[in-house]
Amino acid sequence: VPRARSRPDRLVRRGDWPRTGPGALGTRVSGRRVGLLGMGRIGQTLARGLSGFDMEIRYHTRRPVDGLPHAHEPSLEALASWADFLVVACAGGEATRGLVTAGVLAALGPAGYLVNIARGSVVDEAALVAALQAGTLGGAALVVFADEPQVPPALFALDNAVLLPHVGSATAQTRRAMGELLVANIRAFVNTGRLQTPT
């Protein structure tokens, strides 16, 4: 498998832009197909945002969600086969452990991209590494890992993988809101014996 092209950020930092030009062609997202694994609060927020890019959206959950304009796909493999991008946005835990299998990744294919913003446990990480190494999956963007903060060393060598720490709540505004919610829960428990957000 040929090495993936360098990312534009690296190209600029190395000073290669004047010599090589802006680099290889990227992938346009507008007008493409995105499959969402999970359609809870986060999945629905993503769907609203992705709609702004004129993307066609389908989703997979155990049961269809009432009132959504997007098609429900009962089969995750069928969703992956249809999608250009598969975004993992479901809950973690035993019920979803290993849900994204080697078969799902094969269905997504060499032109497909996996984006995992949920939990590392949802994806068969060994199968993901193998698919990226073999080029049977186009690429992956990961902010979660099965044994975080440990990241499989094999991913470090792959230019078709974007790796970030688990930064979903890493904004000043979100952390402030988390602190305020903690204080509100303590007050509610002291005053009423119940939490505002028990789960």
C-alpha atoms as a PDB file:
ATOM      1  CA  VAL A   1       0.000   0.000   0.000  1.00  0.00           C
ATOM      2  CA  PRO A   2       1.545   3.362  -0.946  1.00  0.00           C
ATOM      3  CA  ARG A   3       2.123   5.748   1.918  1.00  0.00           C
ATOM      4  CA  ALA A   4      -0.678   8.254   2.350  1.00  0.00           C
ATOM      5  CA  ARG A   5       0.190  11.825   1.402  1.00  0.00           C
ATOM      6  CA  SER A   6       1.331  14.234   4.078  1.00  0.00           C
ATOM      7  CA  ARG A   7      -1.274  16.416   5.705  1.00  0.00           C
ATOM      8  CA  PRO A   8      -1.344  20.078   4.651  1.00  0.00           C
ATOM      9  CA  ASP A   9      -0.459  21.257   8.153  1.00  0.00           C
ATOM     10  CA  ARG A  10       2.759  19.234   8.090  1.00  0.00           C
ATOM     11  CA  LEU A  11       3.522  20.431   4.583  1.00  0.00           C
ATOM     12  CA  VAL A  12       3.354  24.076   5.678  1.00  0.00           C
ATOM     13  CA  ARG A  13       5.312  23.493   8.907  1.00  0.00           C
ATOM     14  CA  ARG A  14       8.123  21.743   7.040  1.00  0.00           C
ATOM     15  CA  GLY A  15       8.355  24.650   4.616  1.00  0.00           C
ATOM     16  CA  ASP A  16       7.484  22.437   1.639  1.00  0.00           C
ATOM     17  CA  TRP A  17       4.581  24.527   0.352  1.00  0.00           C
ATOM     18  CA  PRO A  18       6.694  26.871  -1.868  1.00  0.00           C
ATOM     19  CA  ARG A  19       8.499  23.861  -3.383  1.00  0.00           C
ATOM     20  CA  THR A  20       5.691  21.334  -3.791  1.00  0.00           C
ATOM     21  CA  GLY A  21       2.513  23.415  -3.992  1.00  0.00           C
ATOM     22  CA  PRO A  22      -0.480  22.755  -1.739  1.00  0.00           C
ATOM     23  CA  GLY A  23      -0.110  18.984  -1.912  1.00  0.00           C
ATOM     24  CA  ALA A  24      -2.395  16.161  -2.889  1.00  0.00           C
ATOM     25  CA  LEU A  25      -6.100  16.463  -3.496  1.00  0.00           C
ATOM     26  CA  GLY A  26      -8.401  15.968  -0.540  1.00  0.00           C
ATOM     27  CA  THR A  27     -11.924  14.621  -0.213  1.00  0.00           C
ATOM     28  CA  ARG A  28     -14.929  16.924  -0.467  1.00  0.00           C
ATOM     29  CA  VAL A  29     -17.603  16.347   2.167  1.00  0.00           C
ATOM     30  CA  SER A  30     -20.479  18.331   0.662  1.00  0.00           C
ATOM     31  CA  GLY A  31     -22.925  16.166  -1.207  1.00  0.00           C
ATOM     32  CA  ARG A  32     -21.481  12.962   0.254  1.00  0.00           C
ATOM     33  CA  ARG A  33     -23.171  10.259   2.302  1.00  0.00           C
ATOM     34  CA  VAL A  34     -22.697   9.972   6.051  1.00  0.00           C
ATOM     35  CA  GLY A  35     -23.900   7.111   8.196  1.00  0.00           C
ATOM     36  CA  LEU A  36     -24.393   7.753  11.896  1.00  0.00           C
ATOM     37  CA  LEU A  37     -24.074   4.871  14.324  1.00  0.00           C
ATOM     38  CA  GLY A  38     -26.269   6.205  17.104  1.00  0.00           C
ATOM     39  CA  MET A  39     -28.980   8.846  16.971  1.00  0.00           C
ATOM     40  CA  GLY A  40     -29.231  10.143  20.513  1.00  0.00           C
ATOM     41  CA  ARG A  41     -28.621  13.734  21.525  1.00  0.00           C
ATOM     42  CA  ILE A  42     -25.116  13.813  20.027  1.00  0.00           C
ATOM     43  CA  GLY A  43     -26.119  11.992  16.848  1.00  0.00           C
ATOM     44  CA  GLN A  44     -29.022  14.377  16.265  1.00  0.00           C
ATOM     45  CA  THR A  45     -26.775  17.388  16.866  1.00  0.00           C
ATOM     46  CA  LEU A  46     -24.289  15.983  14.343  1.00  0.00           C
ATOM     47  CA  ALA A  47     -27.052  15.347  11.822  1.00  0.00           C
ATOM     48  CA  ARG A  48     -28.196  18.961  12.034  1.00  0.00           C
ATOM     49  CA  GLY A  49     -24.654  20.206  11.470  1.00  0.00           C
ATOM     50  CA  LEU A  50     -23.907  17.793   8.652  1.00  0.00           C
ATOM     51  CA  SER A  51     -27.113  18.792   6.893  1.00  0.00           C
ATOM     52  CA  GLY A  52     -25.524  22.213   6.458  1.00  0.00           C
ATOM     53  CA  PHE A  53     -22.942  20.564   4.185  1.00  0.00           C
ATOM     54  CA  ASP A  54     -25.725  19.149   2.000  1.00  0.00           C
ATOM     55  CA  MET A  55     -24.809  15.630   3.078  1.00  0.00           C
ATOM     56  CA  GLU A  56     -27.228  12.742   2.778  1.00  0.00           C
ATOM     57  CA  ILE A  57     -27.696  11.145   6.203  1.00  0.00           C
ATOM     58  CA  ARG A  58     -28.814   7.710   7.299  1.00  0.00           C
ATOM     59  CA  TYR A  59     -28.450   6.155  10.724  1.00  0.00           C
ATOM     60  CA  HIS A  60     -28.370   2.842  12.542  1.00  0.00           C
ATOM     61  CA  THR A  61     -29.886   2.233  15.963  1.00  0.00           C
ATOM     62  CA  ARG A  62     -31.722  -0.720  17.509  1.00  0.00           C
ATOM     63  CA  ARG A  63     -35.022   0.992  16.734  1.00  0.00           C
ATOM     64  CA  PRO A  64     -35.929   3.940  14.482  1.00  0.00           C
ATOM     65  CA  VAL A  65     -36.183   7.314  16.213  1.00  0.00           C
ATOM     66  CA  ASP A  66     -39.569   8.988  15.730  1.00  0.00           C
ATOM     67  CA  GLY A  67     -39.770  12.339  13.986  1.00  0.00           C
ATOM     68  CA  LEU A  68     -36.438  12.326  12.174  1.00  0.00           C
ATOM     69  CA  PRO A  69     -36.120  13.202   8.488  1.00  0.00           C
ATOM     70  CA  HIS A  70     -33.284  10.713   7.996  1.00  0.00           C
ATOM     71  CA  ALA A  71     -33.602   7.094   6.879  1.00  0.00           C
ATOM     72  CA  HIS A  72     -33.087   4.387   9.486  1.00  0.00           C
ATOM     73  CA  GLU A  73     -30.906   1.479   8.362  1.00  0.00           C
ATOM     74  CA  PRO A  74     -31.544  -1.708  10.371  1.00  0.00           C
ATOM     75  CA  SER A  75     -28.208  -3.241   9.311  1.00  0.00           C
ATOM     76  CA  LEU A  76     -24.925  -1.605  10.342  1.00  0.00           C
ATOM     77  CA  GLU A  77     -23.049  -3.369   7.530  1.00  0.00           C
ATOM     78  CA  ALA A  78     -25.580  -2.097   5.000  1.00  0.00           C
ATOM     79  CA  LEU A  79     -25.186   1.423   6.405  1.00  0.00           C
ATOM     80  CA  ALA A  80     -21.388   1.155   6.101  1.00  0.00           C
ATOM     81  CA  SER A  81     -21.670  -0.127   2.542  1.00  0.00           C
ATOM     82  CA  TRP A  82     -23.855   2.859   1.611  1.00  0.00           C
ATOM     83  CA  ALA A  83     -21.835   5.526   3.439  1.00  0.00           C
ATOM     84  CA  ASP A  84     -18.764   7.514   2.446  1.00  0.00           C
ATOM     85  CA  PHE A  85     -18.232   8.380   6.134  1.00  0.00           C
ATOM     86  CA  LEU A  86     -19.320   6.295   9.114  1.00  0.00           C
ATOM     87  CA  VAL A  87     -19.472   8.319  12.331  1.00  0.00           C
ATOM     88  CA  VAL A  88     -19.615   6.369  15.589  1.00  0.00           C
ATOM     89  CA  ALA A  89     -21.729   8.370  18.052  1.00  0.00           C
ATOM     90  CA  CYS A  90     -23.416   5.714  20.194  1.00  0.00           C
ATOM     91  CA  ALA A  91     -23.101   4.875  23.874  1.00  0.00           C
ATOM     92  CA  GLY A  92     -20.283   2.651  25.081  1.00  0.00           C
ATOM     93  CA  GLY A  93     -20.612  -0.382  27.336  1.00  0.00           C
ATOM     94  CA  GLU A  94     -21.152  -4.080  26.881  1.00  0.00           C
ATOM     95  CA  ALA A  95     -24.175  -3.656  24.600  1.00  0.00           C
ATOM     96  CA  THR A  96     -22.067  -1.937  21.936  1.00  0.00           C
ATOM     97  CA  ARG A  97     -18.647  -3.529  22.532  1.00  0.00           C
ATOM     98  CA  GLY A  98     -17.047  -4.475  19.199  1.00  0.00           C
ATOM     99  CA  LEU A  99     -20.110  -3.365  17.240  1.00  0.00           C
ATOM    100  CA  VAL A 100     -17.911  -2.001  14.431  1.00  0.00           C
ATOM    101  CA  THR A 101     -16.452  -5.306  13.260  1.00  0.00           C
ATOM    102  CA  ALA A 102     -14.009  -6.232  10.522  1.00  0.00           C
ATOM    103  CA  GLY A 103     -17.063  -6.875   8.343  1.00  0.00           C
ATOM    104  CA  VAL A 104     -18.400  -3.358   8.925  1.00  0.00           C
ATOM    105  CA  LEU A 105     -14.996  -1.880   8.064  1.00  0.00           C
ATOM    106  CA  ALA A 106     -14.803  -4.018   4.907  1.00  0.00           C
ATOM    107  CA  ALA A 107     -18.255  -2.779   3.923  1.00  0.00           C
ATOM    108  CA  LEU A 108     -17.109   0.825   4.375  1.00  0.00           C
ATOM    109  CA  GLY A 109     -14.269  -0.002   2.024  1.00  0.00           C
ATOM    110  CA  PRO A 110     -11.066   1.545   0.661  1.00  0.00           C
ATOM    111  CA  ALA A 111     -12.763   4.843  -0.181  1.00  0.00           C
ATOM    112  CA  GLY A 112     -14.607   5.061   3.149  1.00  0.00           C
ATOM    113  CA  TYR A 113     -13.714   6.849   6.359  1.00  0.00           C
ATOM    114  CA  LEU A 114     -14.462   5.902   9.958  1.00  0.00           C
ATOM    115  CA  VAL A 115     -14.849   8.682  12.538  1.00  0.00           C
ATOM    116  CA  ASN A 116     -15.082   7.536  16.167  1.00  0.00           C
ATOM    117  CA  ILE A 117     -16.190  10.153  18.703  1.00  0.00           C
ATOM    118  CA  ALA A 118     -18.016   7.691  20.978  1.00  0.00           C
ATOM    119  CA  ARG A 119     -15.994   5.114  22.912  1.00  0.00           C
ATOM    120  CA  GLY A 120     -13.010   3.083  21.789  1.00  0.00           C
ATOM    121  CA  SER A 121     -14.742  -0.108  22.887  1.00  0.00           C
ATOM    122  CA  VAL A 122     -17.355   0.228  20.115  1.00  0.00           C
ATOM    123  CA  VAL A 123     -14.761  -0.484  17.404  1.00  0.00           C
ATOM    124  CA  ASP A 124     -12.780  -3.698  17.009  1.00  0.00           C
ATOM    125  CA  GLU A 125      -9.468  -1.856  17.272  1.00  0.00           C
ATOM    126  CA  ALA A 126      -7.297  -4.718  15.971  1.00  0.00           C
ATOM    127  CA  ALA A 127      -9.521  -5.020  12.902  1.00  0.00           C
ATOM    128  CA  LEU A 128      -9.356  -1.252  12.401  1.00  0.00           C
ATOM    129  CA  VAL A 129      -5.553  -1.219  12.509  1.00  0.00           C
ATOM    130  CA  ALA A 130      -5.411  -4.142  10.074  1.00  0.00           C
ATOM    131  CA  ALA A 131      -7.822  -2.471   7.646  1.00  0.00           C
ATOM    132  CA  LEU A 132      -5.886   0.790   7.712  1.00  0.00           C
ATOM    133  CA  GLN A 133      -2.583  -1.019   7.200  1.00  0.00           C
ATOM    134  CA  ALA A 134      -3.950  -3.047   4.305  1.00  0.00           C
ATOM    135  CA  GLY A 135      -5.689  -0.087   2.660  1.00  0.00           C
ATOM    136  CA  THR A 136      -9.056  -1.849   2.781  1.00  0.00           C
ATOM    137  CA  LEU A 137     -10.332   1.191   4.708  1.00  0.00           C
ATOM    138  CA  GLY A 138      -9.643   4.659   3.338  1.00  0.00           C
ATOM    139  CA  GLY A 139      -8.976   6.364   6.644  1.00  0.00           C
ATOM    140  CA  ALA A 140      -9.969   6.934  10.233  1.00  0.00           C
ATOM    141  CA  ALA A 141     -10.270   9.903  12.564  1.00  0.00           C
ATOM    142  CA  LEU A 142     -10.103   8.837  16.199  1.00  0.00           C
ATOM    143  CA  VAL A 143     -10.493  10.755  19.448  1.00  0.00           C
ATOM    144  CA  VAL A 144     -11.169   7.643  21.531  1.00  0.00           C
ATOM    145  CA  PHE A 145      -9.311   4.362  21.939  1.00  0.00           C
ATOM    146  CA  ALA A 146     -10.039   0.995  23.519  1.00  0.00           C
ATOM    147  CA  ASP A 147      -7.425   1.383  26.273  1.00  0.00           C
ATOM    148  CA  GLU A 148      -6.989   5.141  26.395  1.00  0.00           C
ATOM    149  CA  PRO A 149      -4.786   6.948  27.031  1.00  0.00           C
ATOM    150  CA  GLN A 150      -2.816   4.061  25.516  1.00  0.00           C
ATOM    151  CA  VAL A 151      -2.926   4.137  21.708  1.00  0.00           C
ATOM    152  CA  PRO A 152      -1.934   1.126  19.584  1.00  0.00           C
ATOM    153  CA  PRO A 153       1.622   1.944  18.419  1.00  0.00           C
ATOM    154  CA  ALA A 154       0.818   0.639  14.927  1.00  0.00           C
ATOM    155  CA  LEU A 155      -1.476   3.644  14.419  1.00  0.00           C
ATOM    156  CA  PHE A 156       1.424   6.089  14.844  1.00  0.00           C
ATOM    157  CA  ALA A 157       2.961   4.982  11.553  1.00  0.00           C
ATOM    158  CA  LEU A 158      -0.244   5.362   9.535  1.00  0.00           C
ATOM    159  CA  ASP A 159      -0.840   8.576   7.616  1.00  0.00           C
ATOM    160  CA  ASN A 160      -4.411   7.471   6.873  1.00  0.00           C
ATOM    161  CA  ALA A 161      -5.296   7.858  10.560  1.00  0.00           C
ATOM    162  CA  VAL A 162      -5.835  11.135  12.412  1.00  0.00           C
ATOM    163  CA  LEU A 163      -5.272  10.656  16.149  1.00  0.00           C
ATOM    164  CA  LEU A 164      -6.383  13.065  18.853  1.00  0.00           C
ATOM    165  CA  PRO A 165      -6.649  12.762  22.626  1.00  0.00           C
ATOM    166  CA  HIS A 166     -10.150  12.434  24.062  1.00  0.00           C
ATOM    167  CA  VAL A 167     -10.987  16.141  23.756  1.00  0.00           C
ATOM    168  CA  GLY A 168     -14.771  16.143  23.417  1.00  0.00           C
ATOM    169  CA  SER A 169     -15.292  18.379  26.450  1.00  0.00           C
ATOM    170  CA  ALA A 170     -12.032  20.321  26.185  1.00  0.00           C
ATOM    171  CA  THR A 171     -13.392  23.846  25.898  1.00  0.00           C
ATOM    172  CA  ALA A 172     -13.495  26.463  28.642  1.00  0.00           C
ATOM    173  CA  GLN A 173     -17.249  26.832  28.162  1.00  0.00           C
ATOM    174  CA  THR A 174     -17.979  23.109  28.416  1.00  0.00           C
ATOM    175  CA  ARG A 175     -15.783  22.615  31.478  1.00  0.00           C
ATOM    176  CA  ARG A 176     -17.456  25.602  33.167  1.00  0.00           C
ATOM    177  CA  ALA A 177     -20.881  24.116  32.392  1.00  0.00           C
ATOM    178  CA  MET A 178     -19.741  20.763  33.808  1.00  0.00           C
ATOM    179  CA  GLY A 179     -18.652  22.470  37.040  1.00  0.00           C
ATOM    180  CA  GLU A 180     -21.932  24.375  37.279  1.00  0.00           C
ATOM    181  CA  LEU A 181     -23.886  21.146  36.772  1.00  0.00           C
ATOM    182  CA  LEU A 182     -21.884  19.461  39.521  1.00  0.00           C
ATOM    183  CA  VAL A 183     -22.698  22.291  41.936  1.00  0.00           C
ATOM    184  CA  ALA A 184     -26.368  22.222  40.906  1.00  0.00           C
ATOM    185  CA  ASN A 185     -26.519  18.461  41.551  1.00  0.00           C
ATOM    186  CA  ILE A 186     -24.970  18.852  44.998  1.00  0.00           C
ATOM    187  CA  ARG A 187     -27.453  21.613  45.894  1.00  0.00           C
ATOM    188  CA  ALA A 188     -30.381  19.573  44.593  1.00  0.00           C
ATOM    189  CA  PHE A 189     -29.284  16.533  46.601  1.00  0.00           C
ATOM    190  CA  VAL A 190     -28.804  18.544  49.801  1.00  0.00           C
ATOM    191  CA  ASN A 191     -32.186  20.278  49.394  1.00  0.00           C
ATOM    192  CA  THR A 192     -34.342  17.453  48.002  1.00  0.00           C
ATOM    193  CA  GLY A 193     -32.383  14.209  48.282  1.00  0.00           C
ATOM    194  CA  ARG A 194     -32.444  13.873  44.481  1.00  0.00           C
ATOM    195  CA  LEU A 195     -29.996  14.750  41.713  1.00  0.00           C
ATOM    196  CA  GLN A 196     -30.908  16.946  38.731  1.00  0.00           C
ATOM    197  CA  THR A 197     -29.069  14.552  36.421  1.00  0.00           C
ATOM    198  CA  PRO A 198     -29.006  11.122  38.081  1.00  0.00           C
ATOM    199  CA  THR A 199     -27.354   9.335  35.117  1.00  0.00           C
END
